[in-house]
Amino acid sequence: MTAATPPEEIKPELTPEQRKALGRVYSYLMDIARKRLIQKNATANPQLPSGNVDADQGKSEDTADAPQSPAPA
């Protein structure tokens, strides 16, 4: 008995606008995940300093959220 070969991965063709929108959504979701992970680690390890791990991102974090928000569908 031979193993079945997996079908080729089907990748839809996206327009540049769709790629840009997906990139914004991905960045937005990764920001949320990163913030939750930092918050979770801060509550799990109270002896560690709370807040941003990356000092340079702390200043631009508030302004970065607004333009990265996905547009309503």
PDB file of N, CA and C in Angstrom:
ATOM      1  N   MET A   1       0.846  -1.176   0.000  1.00  0.00           N
ATOM      2  CA  MET A   1       0.000   0.000   0.000  1.00  0.00           C
ATOM      3  C   MET A   1       0.895   1.243   0.000  1.00  0.00           C
ATOM      4  N   THR A   2       0.636   2.160  -0.908  1.00  0.00           N
ATOM      5  CA  THR A   2       1.468   3.362  -1.003  1.00  0.00           C
ATOM      6  C   THR A   2       0.784   4.523  -0.300  1.00  0.00           C
ATOM      7  N   ALA A   3       1.609   5.407   0.218  1.00  0.00           N
ATOM      8  CA  ALA A   3       1.065   6.587   0.893  1.00  0.00           C
ATOM      9  C   ALA A   3       0.548   7.569  -0.144  1.00  0.00           C
ATOM     10  N   ALA A   4      -0.568   8.149   0.148  1.00  0.00           N
ATOM     11  CA  ALA A   4      -1.142   9.137  -0.764  1.00  0.00           C
ATOM     12  C   ALA A   4      -0.335  10.422  -0.677  1.00  0.00           C
ATOM     13  N   THR A   5      -0.054  10.983  -1.831  1.00  0.00           N
ATOM     14  CA  THR A   5       0.685  12.249  -1.823  1.00  0.00           C
ATOM     15  C   THR A   5      -0.297  13.377  -1.530  1.00  0.00           C
ATOM     16  N   PRO A   6       0.113  14.321  -0.688  1.00  0.00           N
ATOM     17  CA  PRO A   6      -0.806  15.421  -0.371  1.00  0.00           C
ATOM     18  C   PRO A   6      -1.039  16.294  -1.596  1.00  0.00           C
ATOM     19  N   PRO A   7      -2.247  16.786  -1.753  1.00  0.00           N
ATOM     20  CA  PRO A   7      -2.513  17.661  -2.903  1.00  0.00           C
ATOM     21  C   PRO A   7      -1.709  18.951  -2.778  1.00  0.00           C
ATOM     22  N   GLU A   8      -1.437  19.558  -3.907  1.00  0.00           N
ATOM     23  CA  GLU A   8      -0.709  20.828  -3.879  1.00  0.00           C
ATOM     24  C   GLU A   8      -1.530  21.858  -3.122  1.00  0.00           C
ATOM     25  N   GLU A   9      -0.821  22.680  -2.378  1.00  0.00           N
ATOM     26  CA  GLU A   9      -1.501  23.724  -1.621  1.00  0.00           C
ATOM     27  C   GLU A   9      -2.074  24.744  -2.595  1.00  0.00           C
ATOM     28  N   ILE A  10      -3.340  25.049  -2.415  1.00  0.00           N
ATOM     29  CA  ILE A  10      -4.000  26.007  -3.298  1.00  0.00           C
ATOM     30  C   ILE A  10      -3.886  27.388  -2.671  1.00  0.00           C
ATOM     31  N   LYS A  11      -3.237  28.301  -3.372  1.00  0.00           N
ATOM     32  CA  LYS A  11      -3.091  29.672  -2.888  1.00  0.00           C
ATOM     33  C   LYS A  11      -3.884  30.590  -3.812  1.00  0.00           C
ATOM     34  N   PRO A  12      -4.892  31.253  -3.264  1.00  0.00           N
ATOM     35  CA  PRO A  12      -5.671  32.156  -4.111  1.00  0.00           C
ATOM     36  C   PRO A  12      -4.837  33.362  -4.528  1.00  0.00           C
ATOM     37  N   GLU A  13      -5.091  33.838  -5.717  1.00  0.00           N
ATOM     38  CA  GLU A  13      -4.405  35.044  -6.188  1.00  0.00           C
ATOM     39  C   GLU A  13      -5.061  36.248  -5.527  1.00  0.00           C
ATOM     40  N   LEU A  14      -4.254  37.064  -4.883  1.00  0.00           N
ATOM     41  CA  LEU A  14      -4.769  38.238  -4.186  1.00  0.00           C
ATOM     42  C   LEU A  14      -4.313  39.501  -4.888  1.00  0.00           C
ATOM     43  N   THR A  15      -5.185  40.488  -4.857  1.00  0.00           N
ATOM     44  CA  THR A  15      -4.810  41.788  -5.409  1.00  0.00           C
ATOM     45  C   THR A  15      -3.886  42.479  -4.409  1.00  0.00           C
ATOM     46  N   PRO A  16      -3.120  43.461  -4.848  1.00  0.00           N
ATOM     47  CA  PRO A  16      -2.256  44.190  -3.910  1.00  0.00           C
ATOM     48  C   PRO A  16      -3.033  44.808  -2.745  1.00  0.00           C
ATOM     49  N   GLU A  17      -4.255  45.261  -3.011  1.00  0.00           N
ATOM     50  CA  GLU A  17      -5.071  45.837  -1.943  1.00  0.00           C
ATOM     51  C   GLU A  17      -5.442  44.774  -0.909  1.00  0.00           C
ATOM     52  N   GLN A  18      -5.775  43.566  -1.392  1.00  0.00           N
ATOM     53  CA  GLN A  18      -6.117  42.478  -0.479  1.00  0.00           C
ATOM     54  C   GLN A  18      -4.906  42.058   0.346  1.00  0.00           C
ATOM     55  N   ARG A  19      -3.732  42.009  -0.284  1.00  0.00           N
ATOM     56  CA  ARG A  19      -2.504  41.662   0.440  1.00  0.00           C
ATOM     57  C   ARG A  19      -2.223  42.685   1.534  1.00  0.00           C
ATOM     58  N   LYS A  20      -2.396  43.952   1.209  1.00  0.00           N
ATOM     59  CA  LYS A  20      -2.147  45.022   2.173  1.00  0.00           C
ATOM     60  C   LYS A  20      -3.127  44.911   3.341  1.00  0.00           C
ATOM     61  N   ALA A  21      -4.400  44.649   3.026  1.00  0.00           N
ATOM     62  CA  ALA A  21      -5.409  44.518   4.074  1.00  0.00           C
ATOM     63  C   ALA A  21      -5.114  43.317   4.969  1.00  0.00           C
ATOM     64  N   LEU A  22      -4.722  42.197   4.370  1.00  0.00           N
ATOM     65  CA  LEU A  22      -4.383  41.018   5.164  1.00  0.00           C
ATOM     66  C   LEU A  22      -3.166  41.279   6.040  1.00  0.00           C
ATOM     67  N   GLY A  23      -2.212  42.020   5.527  1.00  0.00           N
ATOM     68  CA  GLY A  23      -1.033  42.378   6.311  1.00  0.00           C
ATOM     69  C   GLY A  23      -1.401  43.219   7.518  1.00  0.00           C
ATOM     70  N   ARG A  24      -2.332  44.160   7.326  1.00  0.00           N
ATOM     71  CA  ARG A  24      -2.776  45.001   8.445  1.00  0.00           C
ATOM     72  C   ARG A  24      -3.504  44.169   9.494  1.00  0.00           C
ATOM     73  N   VAL A  25      -4.353  43.256   9.042  1.00  0.00           N
ATOM     74  CA  VAL A  25      -5.086  42.400   9.974  1.00  0.00           C
ATOM     75  C   VAL A  25      -4.107  41.512  10.739  1.00  0.00           C
ATOM     76  N   TYR A  26      -3.133  40.951  10.025  1.00  0.00           N
ATOM     77  CA  TYR A  26      -2.130  40.100  10.663  1.00  0.00           C
ATOM     78  C   TYR A  26      -1.353  40.888  11.718  1.00  0.00           C
ATOM     79  N   SER A  27      -0.920  42.093  11.377  1.00  0.00           N
ATOM     80  CA  SER A  27      -0.175  42.929  12.327  1.00  0.00           C
ATOM     81  C   SER A  27      -1.031  43.259  13.546  1.00  0.00           C
ATOM     82  N   TYR A  28      -2.288  43.574  13.300  1.00  0.00           N
ATOM     83  CA  TYR A  28      -3.211  43.911  14.381  1.00  0.00           C
ATOM     84  C   TYR A  28      -3.381  42.729  15.336  1.00  0.00           C
ATOM     85  N   LEU A  29      -3.601  41.538  14.774  1.00  0.00           N
ATOM     86  CA  LEU A  29      -3.790  40.355  15.607  1.00  0.00           C
ATOM     87  C   LEU A  29      -2.517  39.983  16.357  1.00  0.00           C
ATOM     88  N   MET A  30      -1.364  40.130  15.715  1.00  0.00           N
ATOM     89  CA  MET A  30      -0.098  39.829  16.386  1.00  0.00           C
ATOM     90  C   MET A  30       0.159  40.819  17.519  1.00  0.00           C
ATOM     91  N   ASP A  31      -0.224  42.081  17.344  1.00  0.00           N
ATOM     92  CA  ASP A  31      -0.095  43.073  18.416  1.00  0.00           C
ATOM     93  C   ASP A  31      -0.935  42.662  19.623  1.00  0.00           C
ATOM     94  N   ILE A  32      -2.160  42.233  19.358  1.00  0.00           N
ATOM     95  CA  ILE A  32      -3.043  41.804  20.444  1.00  0.00           C
ATOM     96  C   ILE A  32      -2.438  40.600  21.157  1.00  0.00           C
ATOM     97  N   ALA A  33      -1.955  39.623  20.395  1.00  0.00           N
ATOM     98  CA  ALA A  33      -1.360  38.426  20.994  1.00  0.00           C
ATOM     99  C   ALA A  33      -0.135  38.786  21.827  1.00  0.00           C
ATOM    100  N   ARG A  34       0.692  39.683  21.315  1.00  0.00           N
ATOM    101  CA  ARG A  34       1.903  40.087  22.041  1.00  0.00           C
ATOM    102  C   ARG A  34       1.532  40.792  23.348  1.00  0.00           C
ATOM    103  N   LYS A  35       0.549  41.685  23.284  1.00  0.00           N
ATOM    104  CA  LYS A  35       0.130  42.410  24.488  1.00  0.00           C
ATOM    105  C   LYS A  35      -0.448  41.451  25.526  1.00  0.00           C
ATOM    106  N   ARG A  36      -1.233  40.479  25.078  1.00  0.00           N
ATOM    107  CA  ARG A  36      -1.809  39.513  26.015  1.00  0.00           C
ATOM    108  C   ARG A  36      -0.725  38.642  26.631  1.00  0.00           C
ATOM    109  N   LEU A  37       0.264  38.261  25.838  1.00  0.00           N
ATOM    110  CA  LEU A  37       1.356  37.448  26.358  1.00  0.00           C
ATOM    111  C   LEU A  37       2.158  38.224  27.398  1.00  0.00           C
ATOM    112  N   ILE A  38       2.428  39.492  27.122  1.00  0.00           N
ATOM    113  CA  ILE A  38       3.149  40.331  28.082  1.00  0.00           C
ATOM    114  C   ILE A  38       2.341  40.471  29.362  1.00  0.00           C
ATOM    115  N   GLN A  39       1.030  40.683  29.211  1.00  0.00           N
ATOM    116  CA  GLN A  39       0.164  40.833  30.384  1.00  0.00           C
ATOM    117  C   GLN A  39       0.113  39.526  31.176  1.00  0.00           C
ATOM    118  N   LYS A  40       0.009  38.395  30.472  1.00  0.00           N
ATOM    119  CA  LYS A  40      -0.042  37.092  31.127  1.00  0.00           C
ATOM    120  C   LYS A  40       1.258  36.828  31.879  1.00  0.00           C
ATOM    121  N   ASN A  41       2.387  37.136  31.256  1.00  0.00           N
ATOM    122  CA  ASN A  41       3.678  36.932  31.905  1.00  0.00           C
ATOM    123  C   ASN A  41       3.839  37.848  33.108  1.00  0.00           C
ATOM    124  N   ALA A  42       3.315  39.059  33.026  1.00  0.00           N
ATOM    125  CA  ALA A  42       3.423  39.998  34.137  1.00  0.00           C
ATOM    126  C   ALA A  42       2.619  39.510  35.342  1.00  0.00           C
ATOM    127  N   THR A  43       1.458  38.896  35.106  1.00  0.00           N
ATOM    128  CA  THR A  43       0.656  38.402  36.223  1.00  0.00           C
ATOM    129  C   THR A  43       1.218  37.089  36.759  1.00  0.00           C
ATOM    130  N   ALA A  44       1.827  36.283  35.891  1.00  0.00           N
ATOM    131  CA  ALA A  44       2.403  35.011  36.320  1.00  0.00           C
ATOM    132  C   ALA A  44       3.720  35.222  37.068  1.00  0.00           C
ATOM    133  N   ASN A  45       4.469  36.255  36.704  1.00  0.00           N
ATOM    134  CA  ASN A  45       5.764  36.548  37.319  1.00  0.00           C
ATOM    135  C   ASN A  45       5.760  37.981  37.853  1.00  0.00           C
ATOM    136  N   PRO A  46       5.149  38.218  38.995  1.00  0.00           N
ATOM    137  CA  PRO A  46       5.050  39.599  39.484  1.00  0.00           C
ATOM    138  C   PRO A  46       6.396  40.236  39.825  1.00  0.00           C
ATOM    139  N   GLN A  47       7.454  39.440  40.007  1.00  0.00           N
ATOM    140  CA  GLN A  47       8.754  40.026  40.324  1.00  0.00           C
ATOM    141  C   GLN A  47       9.400  40.672  39.100  1.00  0.00           C
ATOM    142  N   LEU A  48       8.944  40.319  37.898  1.00  0.00           N
ATOM    143  CA  LEU A  48       9.481  40.931  36.690  1.00  0.00           C
ATOM    144  C   LEU A  48       8.860  42.312  36.500  1.00  0.00           C
ATOM    145  N   PRO A  49       9.582  43.234  35.895  1.00  0.00           N
ATOM    146  CA  PRO A  49       9.002  44.559  35.655  1.00  0.00           C
ATOM    147  C   PRO A  49       7.829  44.455  34.691  1.00  0.00           C
ATOM    148  N   SER A  50       6.763  45.160  34.988  1.00  0.00           N
ATOM    149  CA  SER A  50       5.595  45.121  34.111  1.00  0.00           C
ATOM    150  C   SER A  50       5.736  46.152  33.011  1.00  0.00           C
ATOM    151  N   GLY A  51       4.905  46.027  31.998  1.00  0.00           N
ATOM    152  CA  GLY A  51       4.950  46.982  30.896  1.00  0.00           C
ATOM    153  C   GLY A  51       5.599  46.374  29.677  1.00  0.00           C
ATOM    154  N   ASN A  52       6.000  47.234  28.781  1.00  0.00           N
ATOM    155  CA  ASN A  52       6.581  46.794  27.519  1.00  0.00           C
ATOM    156  C   ASN A  52       7.966  46.223  27.712  1.00  0.00           C
ATOM    157  N   VAL A  53       8.238  45.137  27.020  1.00  0.00           N
ATOM    158  CA  VAL A  53       9.578  44.571  27.020  1.00  0.00           C
ATOM    159  C   VAL A  53      10.456  45.396  26.093  1.00  0.00           C
ATOM    160  N   ASP A  54       9.885  45.831  24.985  1.00  0.00           N
ATOM    161  CA  ASP A  54      10.629  46.634  24.013  1.00  0.00           C
ATOM    162  C   ASP A  54      10.411  48.108  24.327  1.00  0.00           C
ATOM    163  N   ALA A  55      11.444  48.774  24.774  1.00  0.00           N
ATOM    164  CA  ALA A  55      11.316  50.177  25.167  1.00  0.00           C
ATOM    165  C   ALA A  55      10.996  51.079  23.985  1.00  0.00           C
ATOM    166  N   ASP A  56      11.552  50.763  22.816  1.00  0.00           N
ATOM    167  CA  ASP A  56      11.330  51.637  21.664  1.00  0.00           C
ATOM    168  C   ASP A  56       9.911  51.524  21.121  1.00  0.00           C
ATOM    169  N   GLN A  57       9.210  50.445  21.397  1.00  0.00           N
ATOM    170  CA  GLN A  57       7.850  50.298  20.891  1.00  0.00           C
ATOM    171  C   GLN A  57       6.829  50.960  21.805  1.00  0.00           C
ATOM    172  N   GLY A  58       7.189  51.237  23.025  1.00  0.00           N
ATOM    173  CA  GLY A  58       6.246  51.815  23.975  1.00  0.00           C
ATOM    174  C   GLY A  58       5.741  53.174  23.565  1.00  0.00           C
ATOM    175  N   LYS A  59       6.579  53.962  22.923  1.00  0.00           N
ATOM    176  CA  LYS A  59       6.193  55.318  22.544  1.00  0.00           C
ATOM    177  C   LYS A  59       5.231  55.321  21.366  1.00  0.00           C
ATOM    178  N   SER A  60       5.445  54.429  20.418  1.00  0.00           N
ATOM    179  CA  SER A  60       4.631  54.438  19.208  1.00  0.00           C
ATOM    180  C   SER A  60       3.452  53.478  19.291  1.00  0.00           C
ATOM    181  N   GLU A  61       3.318  52.771  20.390  1.00  0.00           N
ATOM    182  CA  GLU A  61       2.291  51.749  20.487  1.00  0.00           C
ATOM    183  C   GLU A  61       0.883  52.324  20.373  1.00  0.00           C
ATOM    184  N   ASP A  62       0.610  53.431  21.054  1.00  0.00           N
ATOM    185  CA  ASP A  62      -0.728  54.014  21.035  1.00  0.00           C
ATOM    186  C   ASP A  62      -1.096  54.529  19.649  1.00  0.00           C
ATOM    187  N   THR A  63      -0.166  55.149  18.969  1.00  0.00           N
ATOM    188  CA  THR A  63      -0.462  55.679  17.643  1.00  0.00           C
ATOM    189  C   THR A  63      -0.471  54.579  16.595  1.00  0.00           C
ATOM    190  N   ALA A  64       0.227  53.473  16.846  1.00  0.00           N
ATOM    191  CA  ALA A  64       0.299  52.396  15.859  1.00  0.00           C
ATOM    192  C   ALA A  64      -1.004  51.610  15.791  1.00  0.00           C
ATOM    193  N   ASP A  65      -1.785  51.593  16.856  1.00  0.00           N
ATOM    194  CA  ASP A  65      -3.011  50.808  16.857  1.00  0.00           C
ATOM    195  C   ASP A  65      -4.064  51.359  15.911  1.00  0.00           C
ATOM    196  N   ALA A  66      -4.200  52.669  15.835  1.00  0.00           N
ATOM    197  CA  ALA A  66      -5.269  53.262  15.037  1.00  0.00           C
ATOM    198  C   ALA A  66      -5.151  52.938  13.549  1.00  0.00           C
ATOM    199  N   PRO A  67      -4.029  53.181  12.878  1.00  0.00           N
ATOM    200  CA  PRO A  67      -3.989  52.906  11.446  1.00  0.00           C
ATOM    201  C   PRO A  67      -3.973  51.424  11.111  1.00  0.00           C
ATOM    202  N   GLN A  68      -3.596  50.570  12.056  1.00  0.00           N
ATOM    203  CA  GLN A  68      -3.534  49.148  11.765  1.00  0.00           C
ATOM    204  C   GLN A  68      -4.873  48.456  11.946  1.00  0.00           C
ATOM    205  N   SER A  69      -5.854  49.148  12.492  1.00  0.00           N
ATOM    206  CA  SER A  69      -7.154  48.535  12.699  1.00  0.00           C
ATOM    207  C   SER A  69      -7.760  48.164  11.351  1.00  0.00           C
ATOM    208  N   PRO A  70      -8.292  46.956  11.242  1.00  0.00           N
ATOM    209  CA  PRO A  70      -8.895  46.577   9.963  1.00  0.00           C
ATOM    210  C   PRO A  70     -10.161  47.378   9.696  1.00  0.00           C
ATOM    211  N   ALA A  71     -10.377  47.677   8.451  1.00  0.00           N
ATOM    212  CA  ALA A  71     -11.570  48.426   8.065  1.00  0.00           C
ATOM    213  C   ALA A  71     -12.786  47.519   8.198  1.00  0.00           C
ATOM    214  N   PRO A  72     -13.941  48.079   8.559  1.00  0.00           N
ATOM    215  CA  PRO A  72     -15.142  47.240   8.657  1.00  0.00           C
ATOM    216  C   PRO A  72     -15.493  46.637   7.303  1.00  0.00           C
ATOM    217  N   ALA A  73     -15.896  45.389   7.345  1.00  0.00           N
ATOM    218  CA  ALA A  73     -16.177  44.682   6.083  1.00  0.00           C
ATOM    219  C   ALA A  73     -17.537  45.044   5.543  1.00  0.00           C
TER     220      ALA A  73
END
